[in-house]
Amino acid sequence: MAEEPLHKLEEGARNSRQRCHTDLQGNSISYIDENTWKPYRWTEKLILRDNSLTELHKDSFQGLPYLQYLDLSCNKIRFIESGTFEQLTFLKFVNLSSNLIIDLKFGTFRARHRMEILHKVDMGKTHVSLTTLERILFMTPELEKLILPSHRTCCLCQLKNTIEVVCKTVKLHCDSDCLASTIRCGEEAAVGNVEGSFMKVLRARNKSISTELIIEPEKASSDRRGVSLSAFMNKQATEEVPGYRDKEDFNMITAVPIAVLIFIIICYRFQNCACRKAAKGDNKGHIRRAFPGEGGHLGSQAMY
């Protein structure tokens, strides 16, 4: 593992038992050895996103007994050794999305208590096989949410009714595109085979597990500022409509003179009102002088 990013965080974590969040995102880390996490024993949330990891081994997370949240997304992981997460008995969430994973060994999610704490696994934007899916379902009895690549979820959605009847605790979240898809999936026959391994795993889960598991497709891509890809595409499409920019420019050109005209009208009315008030005040003064003076004599009347 690269020494520089670890060295930067080590000083703050060495003597602090309160350090629960360790963020090593984007540090070009390519390897983790068994002694890496000694200064981070109290870490509960570990971010290793956007690094260069290609493999994970049994000792990759040794020394993190309290770890609950693990983000390994956007690396280059191809291989995860059986038992890699075995020591993480409090692990609740694992994000393995955007990696090069095709297959997971049977004991990948094996722990002292069969990963009974693990609630969410994100495998979006990977190449997981049907066999890998079976192993995840078998080894994670308390799993509540499983995120899969869109193509994998769509294949399962073609057999949504069958799957949810066989295992009432598994629910598939399928969008309209998946439900209407006519694309043939290579493993569809294996999934739908009543005597196949996938259906056997579902039946076993239905008998022994009461926790409801939701399987859903990966989310749409978004940039780092939180703007969704669909919103960006809509903006681009709008701006490319013929005459769109011309219409915008025309609206701007006409808006300015109208605003100036309104301002002139308001000023004119205000000035006119002020003049009337002034004239009215002068008339009152002349009328007051037309009444009898102190001696009771009628003064001369000014005619205006």
Protein backbone atom coordinates (compact mmCIF):
# COMPACT_ATOMS: atom_id res chain seq x y z
CA MET A 1 0.00 0.00 0.00
CA ALA A 2 1.30 3.48 -0.76
CA GLU A 3 3.07 4.90 2.33
CA GLU A 4 2.43 8.60 1.71
CA PRO A 5 -1.39 8.72 2.20
CA LEU A 6 -1.12 6.45 5.22
CA HIS A 7 1.57 8.63 6.75
CA LYS A 8 -0.63 11.72 6.38
CA LEU A 9 -3.47 10.14 8.34
CA GLU A 10 -1.38 8.18 10.80
CA GLU A 11 -0.53 11.10 13.07
CA GLY A 12 -4.18 11.87 13.76
CA ALA A 13 -5.18 8.26 14.32
CA ARG A 14 -2.21 6.92 16.27
CA ASN A 15 -3.33 7.94 19.74
CA SER A 16 -7.03 8.46 19.16
CA ARG A 17 -9.65 5.86 19.87
CA GLN A 18 -12.34 8.22 18.63
CA ARG A 19 -11.24 8.01 14.98
CA CYS A 20 -14.09 6.13 13.27
CA HIS A 21 -13.86 7.36 9.69
CA THR A 22 -10.80 6.71 7.51
CA ASP A 23 -10.88 8.16 3.99
CA LEU A 24 -8.12 7.03 1.61
CA GLN A 25 -9.97 7.83 -1.58
CA GLY A 26 -7.95 8.52 -4.73
CA ASN A 27 -4.46 7.70 -3.41
CA SER A 28 -3.28 5.24 -6.10
CA ILE A 29 -3.15 2.45 -3.51
CA SER A 30 -2.38 -0.86 -5.23
CA TYR A 31 -1.61 -3.22 -2.35
CA ILE A 32 -2.63 -3.78 1.28
CA ASP A 33 -0.43 -5.82 3.60
CA GLU A 34 -1.30 -7.42 6.92
CA ASN A 35 0.15 -4.61 9.06
CA THR A 36 -1.47 -1.71 7.23
CA TRP A 37 -4.37 -1.12 9.62
CA LYS A 38 -2.59 -1.14 12.99
CA PRO A 39 -3.04 2.64 13.48
CA TYR A 40 -6.69 2.38 12.41
CA ARG A 41 -8.03 -0.25 14.78
CA TRP A 42 -11.09 1.83 15.72
CA THR A 43 -12.19 2.54 12.17
CA GLU A 44 -15.88 1.88 11.48
CA LYS A 45 -16.07 3.43 8.03
CA LEU A 46 -13.28 2.85 5.49
CA ILE A 47 -13.22 4.54 2.07
CA LEU A 48 -10.83 3.01 -0.48
CA ARG A 49 -12.65 4.29 -3.54
CA ASP A 50 -10.79 5.37 -6.70
CA ASN A 51 -7.54 3.51 -6.08
CA SER A 52 -5.61 0.85 -8.02
CA LEU A 53 -6.37 -2.30 -6.04
CA THR A 54 -6.46 -5.48 -8.15
CA GLU A 55 -6.62 -8.19 -5.46
CA LEU A 56 -7.91 -8.68 -1.93
CA HIS A 57 -6.62 -11.37 0.43
CA LYS A 58 -7.42 -12.87 3.83
CA ASP A 59 -5.18 -10.41 5.63
CA SER A 60 -6.23 -7.34 3.61
CA PHE A 61 -8.48 -6.10 6.41
CA GLN A 62 -6.78 -7.70 9.38
CA GLY A 63 -6.88 -5.47 12.44
CA LEU A 64 -10.25 -3.78 11.74
CA PRO A 65 -12.57 -5.55 14.19
CA TYR A 66 -15.13 -2.73 14.32
CA LEU A 67 -15.44 -2.04 10.60
CA GLN A 68 -19.06 -1.62 9.47
CA TYR A 69 -18.87 0.25 6.16
CA LEU A 70 -16.38 -0.63 3.41
CA ASP A 71 -16.21 1.20 0.07
CA LEU A 72 -13.99 -0.51 -2.53
CA SER A 73 -15.72 0.92 -5.58
CA CYS A 74 -13.93 2.20 -8.70
CA ASN A 75 -10.80 0.07 -8.34
CA LYS A 76 -9.48 -2.67 -10.64
CA ILE A 77 -10.31 -5.64 -8.44
CA ARG A 78 -10.40 -8.98 -10.26
CA PHE A 79 -9.70 -11.44 -7.46
CA ILE A 80 -11.01 -11.70 -3.88
CA GLU A 81 -9.63 -14.57 -1.84
CA SER A 82 -12.01 -16.80 0.08
CA GLY A 83 -12.36 -15.55 3.66
CA THR A 84 -11.31 -11.97 2.89
CA PHE A 85 -14.16 -10.56 5.00
CA GLU A 86 -14.12 -13.36 7.59
CA GLN A 87 -12.79 -11.25 10.45
CA LEU A 88 -15.22 -8.37 9.84
CA THR A 89 -18.04 -9.63 12.03
CA PHE A 90 -19.70 -6.21 12.28
CA LEU A 91 -19.62 -5.44 8.58
CA LYS A 92 -22.97 -4.06 7.33
CA PHE A 93 -22.22 -2.62 3.90
CA VAL A 94 -19.74 -3.55 1.15
CA ASN A 95 -19.45 -1.54 -2.05
CA LEU A 96 -17.65 -3.49 -4.80
CA SER A 97 -19.19 -1.61 -7.72
CA SER A 98 -17.22 -0.51 -10.80
CA ASN A 99 -14.62 -3.26 -10.54
CA LEU A 100 -13.54 -6.08 -12.86
CA ILE A 101 -15.10 -8.84 -10.75
CA ILE A 102 -16.53 -11.83 -12.61
CA ASP A 103 -16.45 -14.56 -9.99
CA LEU A 104 -16.43 -14.68 -6.19
CA LYS A 105 -15.21 -17.72 -4.29
CA PHE A 106 -17.71 -19.60 -2.18
CA GLY A 107 -16.24 -18.36 1.09
CA THR A 108 -15.84 -14.71 0.08
CA PHE A 109 -18.59 -13.55 2.44
CA ARG A 110 -17.98 -16.30 4.97
CA ALA A 111 -17.60 -15.09 8.53
CA ARG A 112 -17.80 -16.54 12.00
CA HIS A 113 -21.58 -16.02 11.91
CA ARG A 114 -22.17 -16.42 8.14
CA MET A 115 -22.23 -12.64 7.70
CA GLU A 116 -25.44 -12.29 9.68
CA ILE A 117 -24.79 -8.57 10.12
CA LEU A 118 -24.22 -7.77 6.44
CA HIS A 119 -27.24 -5.84 5.13
CA LYS A 120 -26.19 -4.36 1.79
CA VAL A 121 -23.86 -5.41 -1.04
CA ASP A 122 -23.31 -3.28 -4.14
CA MET A 123 -22.07 -5.24 -7.17
CA GLY A 124 -23.19 -2.70 -9.77
CA LYS A 125 -21.04 -2.21 -12.88
CA THR A 126 -19.25 -5.53 -12.47
CA HIS A 127 -19.44 -8.76 -14.48
CA VAL A 128 -20.75 -11.11 -11.77
CA SER A 129 -21.93 -14.51 -12.94
CA LEU A 130 -25.06 -16.40 -11.94
CA THR A 131 -22.91 -18.72 -9.83
CA THR A 132 -21.58 -15.70 -7.90
CA LEU A 133 -25.13 -14.53 -7.28
CA GLU A 134 -26.05 -17.96 -5.88
CA ARG A 135 -23.10 -17.83 -3.46
CA ILE A 136 -24.03 -14.36 -2.26
CA LEU A 137 -27.63 -15.43 -1.61
CA PHE A 138 -26.48 -18.53 0.25
CA MET A 139 -23.83 -16.89 2.45
CA THR A 140 -25.69 -13.69 3.48
CA PRO A 141 -28.89 -14.67 5.33
CA GLU A 142 -29.58 -11.17 6.69
CA LEU A 143 -28.90 -9.33 3.45
CA GLU A 144 -31.58 -6.70 2.79
CA LYS A 145 -30.39 -5.10 -0.44
CA LEU A 146 -28.31 -6.44 -3.33
CA ILE A 147 -27.40 -4.14 -6.21
CA LEU A 148 -26.50 -5.91 -9.45
CA PRO A 149 -25.42 -4.81 -12.94
CA SER A 150 -28.39 -3.73 -15.04
CA HIS A 151 -28.07 -6.59 -17.53
CA ARG A 152 -28.03 -9.17 -14.72
CA THR A 153 -31.08 -7.65 -13.03
CA CYS A 154 -32.96 -7.53 -16.34
CA CYS A 155 -32.32 -11.22 -16.90
CA LEU A 156 -33.77 -12.00 -13.47
CA CYS A 157 -36.71 -9.67 -14.11
CA GLN A 158 -37.77 -11.79 -17.09
CA LEU A 159 -38.53 -14.49 -14.52
CA LYS A 160 -39.70 -12.12 -11.79
CA ASN A 161 -43.00 -13.90 -11.05
CA THR A 162 -41.38 -17.34 -10.84
CA ILE A 163 -38.56 -16.15 -8.58
CA GLU A 164 -40.87 -14.32 -6.18
CA VAL A 165 -43.21 -17.30 -5.94
CA VAL A 166 -40.40 -19.76 -5.21
CA CYS A 167 -38.86 -17.41 -2.62
CA LYS A 168 -41.34 -15.03 -1.06
CA THR A 169 -38.60 -13.15 0.77
CA VAL A 170 -36.86 -12.08 -2.45
CA LYS A 171 -38.28 -9.04 -4.26
CA LEU A 172 -37.05 -7.81 -7.63
CA HIS A 173 -37.21 -4.11 -8.43
CA CYS A 174 -37.59 -4.02 -12.21
CA ASP A 175 -37.93 -0.88 -14.30
CA SER A 176 -40.23 -0.76 -17.33
CA ASP A 177 -37.37 -1.29 -19.78
CA CYS A 178 -36.37 -4.55 -18.11
CA LEU A 179 -39.93 -5.86 -18.00
CA ALA A 180 -40.49 -5.03 -21.67
CA SER A 181 -37.11 -6.37 -22.81
CA THR A 182 -37.15 -9.21 -25.35
CA ILE A 183 -33.39 -9.80 -25.22
CA ARG A 184 -32.55 -13.43 -24.54
CA CYS A 185 -30.20 -13.92 -21.61
CA GLY A 186 -27.61 -16.63 -21.87
CA GLU A 187 -28.37 -18.02 -18.40
CA GLU A 188 -32.15 -17.63 -18.52
CA ALA A 189 -32.67 -21.39 -18.89
CA ALA A 190 -30.48 -22.06 -15.85
CA VAL A 191 -32.37 -19.49 -13.76
CA GLY A 192 -35.77 -20.87 -14.73
CA ASN A 193 -34.86 -24.52 -14.30
CA VAL A 194 -36.93 -25.78 -11.36
CA GLU A 195 -34.26 -28.34 -10.48
CA GLY A 196 -31.38 -25.99 -11.15
CA SER A 197 -28.95 -24.71 -8.53
CA PHE A 198 -30.38 -21.18 -8.53
CA MET A 199 -33.90 -22.35 -7.69
CA LYS A 200 -32.52 -24.67 -5.02
CA VAL A 201 -30.76 -21.74 -3.36
CA LEU A 202 -34.00 -19.74 -3.46
CA ARG A 203 -36.02 -22.57 -1.91
CA ALA A 204 -33.42 -23.03 0.83
CA ARG A 205 -33.48 -19.31 1.56
CA ASN A 206 -37.29 -19.30 1.64
CA LYS A 207 -37.36 -22.06 4.26
CA SER A 208 -34.72 -20.73 6.63
CA ILE A 209 -34.65 -16.95 6.22
CA SER A 210 -37.38 -14.43 7.00
CA THR A 211 -35.47 -11.27 6.08
CA GLU A 212 -36.79 -9.69 2.89
CA LEU A 213 -34.12 -9.17 0.25
CA ILE A 214 -34.52 -6.50 -2.43
CA ILE A 215 -32.57 -6.97 -5.66
CA GLU A 216 -32.29 -3.89 -7.81
CA PRO A 217 -30.22 -2.59 -10.75
CA GLU A 218 -27.33 -0.17 -10.46
CA LYS A 219 -28.12 3.54 -10.40
CA ALA A 220 -27.57 5.88 -13.34
CA SER A 221 -24.15 7.50 -13.53
CA SER A 222 -23.67 10.96 -12.08
CA ASP A 223 -20.79 13.35 -11.98
CA ARG A 224 -18.96 14.43 -8.82
CA ARG A 225 -21.08 17.55 -8.43
CA GLY A 226 -24.22 15.44 -8.11
CA VAL A 227 -25.71 16.30 -11.49
CA SER A 228 -27.36 13.27 -12.96
CA LEU A 229 -26.36 12.02 -16.38
CA SER A 230 -29.97 12.13 -17.56
CA ALA A 231 -30.29 15.79 -16.51
CA PHE A 232 -27.10 16.64 -18.34
CA MET A 233 -28.28 14.85 -21.50
CA ASN A 234 -31.63 16.63 -21.36
CA LYS A 235 -29.87 19.99 -21.19
CA GLN A 236 -27.67 19.09 -24.13
CA ALA A 237 -30.63 17.91 -26.17
CA THR A 238 -32.59 21.10 -25.43
CA GLU A 239 -29.73 23.30 -26.50
CA GLU A 240 -29.35 21.37 -29.74
CA VAL A 241 -32.95 21.94 -30.81
CA PRO A 242 -32.96 24.19 -33.93
CA GLY A 243 -33.82 27.80 -33.04
CA TYR A 244 -33.48 27.24 -29.28
CA ARG A 245 -30.57 29.65 -28.83
CA ASP A 246 -32.11 32.14 -31.30
CA LYS A 247 -35.29 32.18 -29.26
CA GLU A 248 -33.32 32.76 -26.08
CA ASP A 249 -31.40 35.66 -27.66
CA PHE A 250 -34.65 37.20 -29.01
CA ASN A 251 -36.26 37.04 -25.57
CA MET A 252 -33.25 38.80 -24.03
CA ILE A 253 -33.21 41.53 -26.70
CA THR A 254 -36.92 42.33 -26.30
CA ALA A 255 -36.90 42.14 -22.50
CA VAL A 256 -34.41 45.00 -22.00
CA PRO A 257 -36.32 47.75 -23.94
CA ILE A 258 -39.59 46.75 -22.28
CA ALA A 259 -38.00 47.10 -18.84
CA VAL A 260 -36.59 50.53 -19.76
CA LEU A 261 -39.99 51.67 -21.06
CA ILE A 262 -41.74 50.59 -17.86
CA PHE A 263 -39.13 52.47 -15.82
CA ILE A 264 -39.69 55.68 -17.86
CA ILE A 265 -43.48 55.42 -17.41
CA ILE A 266 -43.11 55.01 -13.65
CA CYS A 267 -40.77 58.03 -13.43
CA TYR A 268 -43.13 60.15 -15.53
CA ARG A 269 -46.14 59.29 -13.36
CA PHE A 270 -44.16 59.98 -10.20
CA GLN A 271 -43.00 63.39 -11.50
CA ASN A 272 -46.51 64.30 -12.65
CA CYS A 273 -47.94 63.40 -9.25
CA ALA A 274 -45.31 65.55 -7.50
CA CYS A 275 -46.12 68.53 -9.73
CA ARG A 276 -49.82 68.26 -8.97
CA LYS A 277 -49.16 68.21 -5.24
CA ALA A 278 -46.98 71.30 -5.54
CA ALA A 279 -49.62 73.17 -7.56
CA LYS A 280 -52.28 72.23 -5.06
CA GLY A 281 -50.17 73.64 -2.21
CA ASP A 282 -49.74 76.99 -4.00
CA ASN A 283 -53.51 77.30 -4.62
CA LYS A 284 -54.19 76.77 -0.94
CA GLY A 285 -51.85 79.65 -0.05
CA HIS A 286 -53.52 82.06 -2.46
CA ILE A 287 -57.01 81.12 -1.28
CA ARG A 288 -55.95 81.62 2.36
CA ARG A 289 -54.79 85.16 1.55
CA ALA A 290 -58.22 85.94 -0.04
CA PHE A 291 -60.08 85.63 3.30
CA PRO A 292 -60.66 88.70 5.57
CA GLY A 293 -57.55 89.91 7.33
CA GLU A 294 -57.04 90.73 10.98
CA GLY A 295 -58.95 93.96 10.71
CA GLY A 296 -61.98 92.28 9.33
CA HIS A 297 -61.66 94.09 6.05
CA LEU A 298 -62.08 92.17 2.91
CA GLY A 299 -58.81 92.02 1.09
CA SER A 300 -58.30 92.06 -2.59
CA GLN A 301 -59.04 88.74 -4.23
CA ALA A 302 -56.39 87.24 -6.45
CA MET A 303 -57.85 85.60 -9.44
CA TYR A 304 -55.87 82.68 -10.87
